[in-house]
C-alpha atoms as a PDB file:
ATOM      1  CA  ALA A   1     103.455 -29.551 144.531  1.00  0.00           C
ATOM      2  CA  ALA A   2     100.759 -27.983 143.281  1.00  0.00           C
ATOM      3  CA  MET A   3      98.523 -25.195 145.795  1.00  0.00           C
ATOM      4  CA  GLY A   4      95.523 -24.120 143.836  1.00  0.00           C
ATOM      5  CA  GLY A   5      96.438 -24.789 140.311  1.00  0.00           C
ATOM      6  CA  LYS A   6      99.978 -22.983 141.116  1.00  0.00           C
ATOM      7  CA  PHE A   7     103.453 -24.835 141.655  1.00  0.00           C
ATOM      8  CA  VAL A   8     104.899 -24.593 144.550  1.00  0.00           C
ATOM      9  CA  PHE A   9     108.788 -25.507 144.689  1.00  0.00           C
ATOM     10  CA  GLU A  10     110.702 -26.666 147.706  1.00  0.00           C
ATOM     11  CA  GLY A  11     113.935 -25.534 148.725  1.00  0.00           C
ATOM     12  CA  GLY A  12     117.020 -27.509 148.922  1.00  0.00           C
ATOM     13  CA  PHE A  13     120.097 -29.045 147.526  1.00  0.00           C
ATOM     14  CA  THR A  14     120.891 -31.252 144.324  1.00  0.00           C
ATOM     15  CA  LEU A  15     122.011 -34.120 144.523  1.00  0.00           C
ATOM     16  CA  LEU A  16     124.393 -33.110 141.638  1.00  0.00           C
ATOM     17  CA  GLU A  17     125.210 -30.100 144.331  1.00  0.00           C
ATOM     18  CA  LEU A  18     125.556 -32.583 146.887  1.00  0.00           C
ATOM     19  CA  MET A  19     128.104 -34.356 144.890  1.00  0.00           C
ATOM     20  CA  ILE A  20     130.705 -31.305 144.438  1.00  0.00           C
ATOM     21  CA  VAL A  21     130.283 -30.201 147.778  1.00  0.00           C
ATOM     22  CA  LEU A  22     131.648 -33.865 149.361  1.00  0.00           C
ATOM     23  CA  ALA A  23     134.190 -33.022 146.682  1.00  0.00           C
ATOM     24  CA  LEU A  24     135.536 -29.927 148.274  1.00  0.00           C
ATOM     25  CA  ALA A  25     135.615 -31.222 150.420  1.00  0.00           C
ATOM     26  CA  ALA A  26     137.575 -34.071 150.491  1.00  0.00           C
ATOM     27  CA  VAL A  27     140.036 -32.191 148.244  1.00  0.00           C
ATOM     28  CA  ILE A  28     140.417 -29.398 150.778  1.00  0.00           C
ATOM     29  CA  LEU A  29     141.320 -32.532 153.921  1.00  0.00           C
ATOM     30  CA  ALA A  30     143.408 -34.182 151.337  1.00  0.00           C
ATOM     31  CA  ILE A  31     145.553 -31.277 151.146  1.00  0.00           C
ATOM     32  CA  GLY A  32     144.974 -30.112 155.024  1.00  0.00           C
ATOM     33  CA  ALA A  33     145.509 -33.424 156.757  1.00  0.00           C
ATOM     34  CA  PRO A  34     149.289 -33.906 155.665  1.00  0.00           C
ATOM     35  CA  SER A  35     150.188 -30.641 156.908  1.00  0.00           C
ATOM     36  CA  PHE A  36     148.185 -31.093 160.017  1.00  0.00           C
ATOM     37  CA  THR A  37     150.577 -33.599 160.825  1.00  0.00           C
ATOM     38  CA  GLU A  38     153.569 -32.134 160.479  1.00  0.00           C
ATOM     39  CA  PHE A  39     152.232 -29.196 162.612  1.00  0.00           C
ATOM     40  CA  ARG A  40     151.619 -31.481 165.355  1.00  0.00           C
ATOM     41  CA  ARG A  41     154.680 -33.273 165.399  1.00  0.00           C
ATOM     42  CA  ASN A  42     156.595 -29.790 165.330  1.00  0.00           C
ATOM     43  CA  GLY A  43     154.796 -28.599 168.178  1.00  0.00           C
ATOM     44  CA  ARG A  44     154.972 -31.084 170.478  1.00  0.00           C
ATOM     45  CA  LEU A  45     159.189 -31.574 169.240  1.00  0.00           C
ATOM     46  CA  THR A  46     159.141 -27.811 170.738  1.00  0.00           C
ATOM     47  CA  ALA A  47     157.117 -28.363 173.796  1.00  0.00           C
ATOM     48  CA  ASP A  48     159.490 -30.774 175.164  1.00  0.00           C
ATOM     49  CA  ALA A  49     162.599 -28.428 174.267  1.00  0.00           C
ATOM     50  CA  ASN A  50     161.774 -25.773 176.049  1.00  0.00           C
ATOM     51  CA  ASP A  51     160.528 -27.284 178.348  1.00  0.00           C
ATOM     52  CA  PHE A  52     163.908 -27.941 178.870  1.00  0.00           C
ATOM     53  CA  LEU A  53     165.921 -25.492 177.517  1.00  0.00           C
ATOM     54  CA  THR A  54     163.409 -23.971 180.778  1.00  0.00           C
ATOM     55  CA  ALA A  55     164.564 -26.451 183.698  1.00  0.00           C
ATOM     56  CA  VAL A  56     168.379 -25.405 182.427  1.00  0.00           C
ATOM     57  CA  GLN A  57     167.345 -21.916 183.079  1.00  0.00           C
ATOM     58  CA  ARG A  58     165.951 -23.256 186.447  1.00  0.00           C
ATOM     59  CA  ALA A  59     168.278 -24.848 187.684  1.00  0.00           C
ATOM     60  CA  ARG A  60     170.977 -22.004 186.639  1.00  0.00           C
ATOM     61  CA  THR A  61     168.748 -19.519 188.476  1.00  0.00           C
ATOM     62  CA  GLU A  62     168.663 -22.139 191.891  1.00  0.00           C
ATOM     63  CA  ALA A  63     172.631 -22.465 192.618  1.00  0.00           C
ATOM     64  CA  VAL A  64     173.190 -18.285 191.399  1.00  0.00           C
ATOM     65  CA  LYS A  65     169.849 -18.080 194.767  1.00  0.00           C
ATOM     66  CA  GLN A  66     170.761 -20.673 196.691  1.00  0.00           C
ATOM     67  CA  GLN A  67     174.789 -20.445 196.326  1.00  0.00           C
ATOM     68  CA  ARG A  68     175.763 -23.952 196.029  1.00  0.00           C
ATOM     69  CA  THR A  69     175.789 -26.352 193.547  1.00  0.00           C
ATOM     70  CA  VAL A  70     172.689 -27.342 191.550  1.00  0.00           C
ATOM     71  CA  SER A  71     172.131 -30.244 189.110  1.00  0.00           C
ATOM     72  CA  LEU A  72     169.739 -31.224 186.222  1.00  0.00           C
ATOM     73  CA  CYS A  73     170.184 -34.776 185.634  1.00  0.00           C
ATOM     74  CA  ALA A  74     167.901 -37.776 183.696  1.00  0.00           C
ATOM     75  CA  THR A  75     165.471 -39.434 185.389  1.00  0.00           C
ATOM     76  CA  ALA A  76     162.865 -42.651 184.366  1.00  0.00           C
ATOM     77  CA  VAL A  77     161.641 -43.152 187.831  1.00  0.00           C
ATOM     78  CA  ALA A  78     161.502 -39.807 189.350  1.00  0.00           C
ATOM     79  CA  PRO A  79     162.966 -38.510 191.907  1.00  0.00           C
ATOM     80  CA  ALA A  80     165.716 -40.487 191.386  1.00  0.00           C
ATOM     81  CA  CYS A  81     168.254 -40.084 187.983  1.00  0.00           C
ATOM     82  CA  SER A  82     168.442 -42.959 185.816  1.00  0.00           C
ATOM     83  CA  GLY A  83     172.311 -42.169 185.070  1.00  0.00           C
ATOM     84  CA  ASN A  84     170.704 -42.497 181.161  1.00  0.00           C
ATOM     85  CA  ALA A  85     171.104 -39.731 178.542  1.00  0.00           C
ATOM     86  CA  ASP A  86     168.292 -39.670 178.131  1.00  0.00           C
ATOM     87  CA  PHE A  87     166.602 -36.264 178.912  1.00  0.00           C
ATOM     88  CA  SER A  88     162.333 -37.568 178.090  1.00  0.00           C
ATOM     89  CA  GLY A  89     162.254 -36.769 182.570  1.00  0.00           C
ATOM     90  CA  TRP A  90     164.577 -34.600 184.136  1.00  0.00           C
ATOM     91  CA  ILE A  91     165.295 -33.634 187.989  1.00  0.00           C
ATOM     92  CA  VAL A  92     166.292 -29.918 188.769  1.00  0.00           C
ATOM     93  CA  PHE A  93     167.909 -30.424 192.676  1.00  0.00           C
ATOM     94  CA  SER A  94     170.724 -29.353 195.255  1.00  0.00           C
ATOM     95  CA  ASP A  95     173.968 -30.659 195.104  1.00  0.00           C
ATOM     96  CA  PRO A  96     176.214 -30.229 198.337  1.00  0.00           C
ATOM     97  CA  ASP A  97     178.464 -32.745 197.123  1.00  0.00           C
ATOM     98  CA  ASP A  98     179.520 -31.320 193.073  1.00  0.00           C
ATOM     99  CA  ASN A  99     178.166 -35.122 192.080  1.00  0.00           C
ATOM    100  CA  CYS A 100     175.184 -35.379 190.704  1.00  0.00           C
ATOM    101  CA  THR A 101     173.666 -37.463 192.464  1.00  0.00           C
ATOM    102  CA  LEU A 102     170.530 -36.660 194.401  1.00  0.00           C
ATOM    103  CA  ALA A 103     171.149 -37.741 198.057  1.00  0.00           C
ATOM    104  CA  ASP A 104     167.661 -36.730 199.532  1.00  0.00           C
ATOM    105  CA  PRO A 105     165.013 -37.198 197.378  1.00  0.00           C
ATOM    106  CA  THR A 106     162.542 -35.139 200.090  1.00  0.00           C
ATOM    107  CA  ARG A 107     163.980 -32.099 200.364  1.00  0.00           C
ATOM    108  CA  ASP A 108     166.221 -31.102 197.944  1.00  0.00           C
ATOM    109  CA  VAL A 109     164.594 -31.386 194.632  1.00  0.00           C
ATOM    110  CA  ALA A 110     163.041 -28.113 193.356  1.00  0.00           C
ATOM    111  CA  GLN A 111     161.300 -29.140 190.175  1.00  0.00           C
ATOM    112  CA  VAL A 112     160.832 -32.556 188.332  1.00  0.00           C
ATOM    113  CA  GLY A 113     159.753 -32.957 184.533  1.00  0.00           C
ATOM    114  CA  GLY A 114     159.712 -34.149 181.293  1.00  0.00           C
ATOM    115  CA  LYS A 115     157.190 -36.838 179.865  1.00  0.00           C
ATOM    116  CA  PRO A 116     156.249 -40.623 180.616  1.00  0.00           C
ATOM    117  CA  ALA A 117     156.858 -42.737 178.416  1.00  0.00           C
ATOM    118  CA  ALA A 118     153.583 -43.897 177.564  1.00  0.00           C
ATOM    119  CA  ASP A 119     152.945 -39.710 177.170  1.00  0.00           C
ATOM    120  CA  ARG A 120     155.509 -39.104 174.414  1.00  0.00           C
ATOM    121  CA  GLY A 121     154.253 -39.998 171.661  1.00  0.00           C
ATOM    122  CA  ARG A 122     157.679 -40.988 169.039  1.00  0.00           C
ATOM    123  CA  VAL A 123     159.813 -38.509 170.360  1.00  0.00           C
ATOM    124  CA  VAL A 124     162.782 -39.936 171.862  1.00  0.00           C
ATOM    125  CA  SER A 125     166.170 -37.495 173.868  1.00  0.00           C
ATOM    126  CA  ALA A 126     169.697 -38.107 173.335  1.00  0.00           C
ATOM    127  CA  ALA A 127     172.710 -36.213 175.559  1.00  0.00           C
ATOM    128  CA  ASP A 128     176.390 -36.945 175.133  1.00  0.00           C
ATOM    129  CA  VAL A 129     176.356 -37.061 178.597  1.00  0.00           C
ATOM    130  CA  ALA A 130     173.404 -37.753 181.993  1.00  0.00           C
ATOM    131  CA  CYS A 131     173.497 -34.473 184.294  1.00  0.00           C
ATOM    132  CA  LEU A 132     174.317 -30.873 183.715  1.00  0.00           C
ATOM    133  CA  SER A 133     176.130 -28.988 187.517  1.00  0.00           C
ATOM    134  CA  PHE A 134     175.299 -24.741 187.552  1.00  0.00           C
ATOM    135  CA  GLY A 135     177.970 -23.372 190.398  1.00  0.00           C
ATOM    136  CA  ALA A 136     176.726 -20.595 193.029  1.00  0.00           C
ATOM    137  CA  ASN A 137     178.024 -18.650 190.086  1.00  0.00           C
ATOM    138  CA  GLY A 138     175.411 -19.937 187.323  1.00  0.00           C
ATOM    139  CA  PHE A 139     177.936 -20.962 185.306  1.00  0.00           C
ATOM    140  CA  LEU A 140     177.850 -24.782 183.569  1.00  0.00           C
ATOM    141  CA  LEU A 141     180.858 -27.498 185.678  1.00  0.00           C
ATOM    142  CA  ASP A 142     182.968 -29.671 184.123  1.00  0.00           C
ATOM    143  CA  THR A 143     182.431 -31.830 188.154  1.00  0.00           C
ATOM    144  CA  PRO A 144     181.754 -34.654 187.557  1.00  0.00           C
ATOM    145  CA  ALA A 145     184.288 -34.684 184.157  1.00  0.00           C
ATOM    146  CA  ALA A 146     181.284 -35.640 182.111  1.00  0.00           C
ATOM    147  CA  THR A 147     178.889 -32.587 181.678  1.00  0.00           C
ATOM    148  CA  ALA A 148     176.326 -32.825 179.540  1.00  0.00           C
ATOM    149  CA  ARG A 149     176.256 -30.353 176.789  1.00  0.00           C
ATOM    150  CA  ARG A 150     174.355 -30.783 174.427  1.00  0.00           C
ATOM    151  CA  ILE A 151     170.826 -32.224 174.158  1.00  0.00           C
ATOM    152  CA  VAL A 152     168.476 -33.065 171.413  1.00  0.00           C
ATOM    153  CA  TYR A 153     165.092 -34.145 171.028  1.00  0.00           C
ATOM    154  CA  CYS A 154     163.993 -36.003 167.584  1.00  0.00           C
ATOM    155  CA  ASP A 155     161.324 -38.164 165.741  1.00  0.00           C
ATOM    156  CA  GLU A 156     161.163 -40.767 163.444  1.00  0.00           C
ATOM    157  CA  ARG A 157     162.080 -37.870 161.412  1.00  0.00           C
ATOM    158  CA  GLY A 158     165.484 -37.506 162.992  1.00  0.00           C
ATOM    159  CA  TYR A 159     167.500 -34.390 161.779  1.00  0.00           C
ATOM    160  CA  ALA A 160     165.844 -34.463 158.858  1.00  0.00           C
ATOM    161  CA  LEU A 161     164.898 -31.222 157.510  1.00  0.00           C
ATOM    162  CA  GLN A 162     161.627 -29.912 158.546  1.00  0.00           C
ATOM    163  CA  GLY A 163     158.798 -29.441 155.967  1.00  0.00           C
ATOM    164  CA  GLY A 164     159.052 -26.073 153.689  1.00  0.00           C
ATOM    165  CA  THR A 165     162.480 -24.859 155.162  1.00  0.00           C
ATOM    166  CA  ASN A 166     166.102 -25.195 155.486  1.00  0.00           C
ATOM    167  CA  GLN A 167     165.447 -26.242 159.482  1.00  0.00           C
ATOM    168  CA  SER A 168     165.986 -29.705 160.999  1.00  0.00           C
ATOM    169  CA  ALA A 169     163.196 -30.782 162.827  1.00  0.00           C
ATOM    170  CA  ALA A 170     165.001 -32.017 165.746  1.00  0.00           C
ATOM    171  CA  ARG A 171     165.421 -29.480 168.318  1.00  0.00           C
ATOM    172  CA  GLY A 172     168.911 -29.186 169.549  1.00  0.00           C
ATOM    173  CA  ILE A 173     169.728 -27.489 173.271  1.00  0.00           C
ATOM    174  CA  GLU A 174     173.034 -26.607 173.564  1.00  0.00           C
ATOM    175  CA  VAL A 175     174.128 -24.439 177.517  1.00  0.00           C
ATOM    176  CA  ALA A 176     177.286 -22.777 177.087  1.00  0.00           C
ATOM    177  CA  ARG A 177     180.206 -22.221 179.593  1.00  0.00           C
ATOM    178  CA  THR A 178     178.370 -19.781 181.264  1.00  0.00           C
ATOM    179  CA  GLY A 179     174.997 -22.144 181.692  1.00  0.00           C
ATOM    180  CA  ARG A 180     172.636 -20.577 179.283  1.00  0.00           C
ATOM    181  CA  GLY A 181     171.748 -22.689 176.879  1.00  0.00           C
ATOM    182  CA  GLU A 182     170.315 -22.402 172.950  1.00  0.00           C
ATOM    183  CA  VAL A 183     168.245 -23.595 170.908  1.00  0.00           C
ATOM    184  CA  VAL A 184     169.863 -25.095 167.148  1.00  0.00           C
ATOM    185  CA  ARG A 185     167.563 -26.835 164.494  1.00  0.00           C
ATOM    186  CA  ASP A 186     170.393 -26.072 162.176  1.00  0.00           C
ATOM    187  CA  PRO A 187     171.037 -29.338 160.396  1.00  0.00           C
ATOM    188  CA  ALA A 188     174.743 -29.441 159.840  1.00  0.00           C
ATOM    189  CA  ARG A 189     175.249 -28.473 163.852  1.00  0.00           C
ATOM    190  CA  LEU A 190     173.324 -30.754 164.301  1.00  0.00           C
ATOM    191  CA  SER A 191     174.525 -33.261 163.211  1.00  0.00           C
ATOM    192  CA  ALA A 192     177.830 -32.330 163.652  1.00  0.00           C
ATOM    193  CA  TRP A 193     176.940 -32.869 167.965  1.00  0.00           C
ATOM    194  CA  GLY A 194     176.882 -36.842 166.549  1.00  0.00           C
ATOM    195  CA  LEU A 195     173.856 -38.345 168.913  1.00  0.00           C
ATOM    196  CA  ALA A 196     172.361 -40.797 167.712  1.00  0.00           C
ATOM    197  CA  CYS A 197     168.644 -39.556 166.719  1.00  0.00           C
END
């Protein structure tokens, strides 16, 4: 624009500059979007496995504190044990009969956790059995005879390796006879458990 015989240039971007910026933004998004999706999926699995491991520790601590059997069972609708080996939802409860059955939901429940099916995304859970019981000494009991020792959380990737690592995308929890739980990500070890994921 001319002002008093002099030209004054207006600030702004040319069409070419704008096209370059948009192209760079598209490249960055194309590189970053798959990584973000993987990050979200891994975070969901880690959160579910850690929540369950915390419940195992809580059940063990309550057993020692109360000096009686405390169990942790799978549930679909709380407060009731489902009898299924899907620990997407779970209950920690006092179990004076040592039978992994919740007798009095109004009095015996110490903690309810997990996620309802609608909130789980694509995370699924599988275990060798539907209940864990801890004795007054904090050790895992063999009564009832079928006590869960291995639980796995996975998504559509199954036991495949997590991108860029030699660890499985799935998160397994193994509870030792001493009652201590650990997270397992070794693909060979998880596959040897024989749990469908």
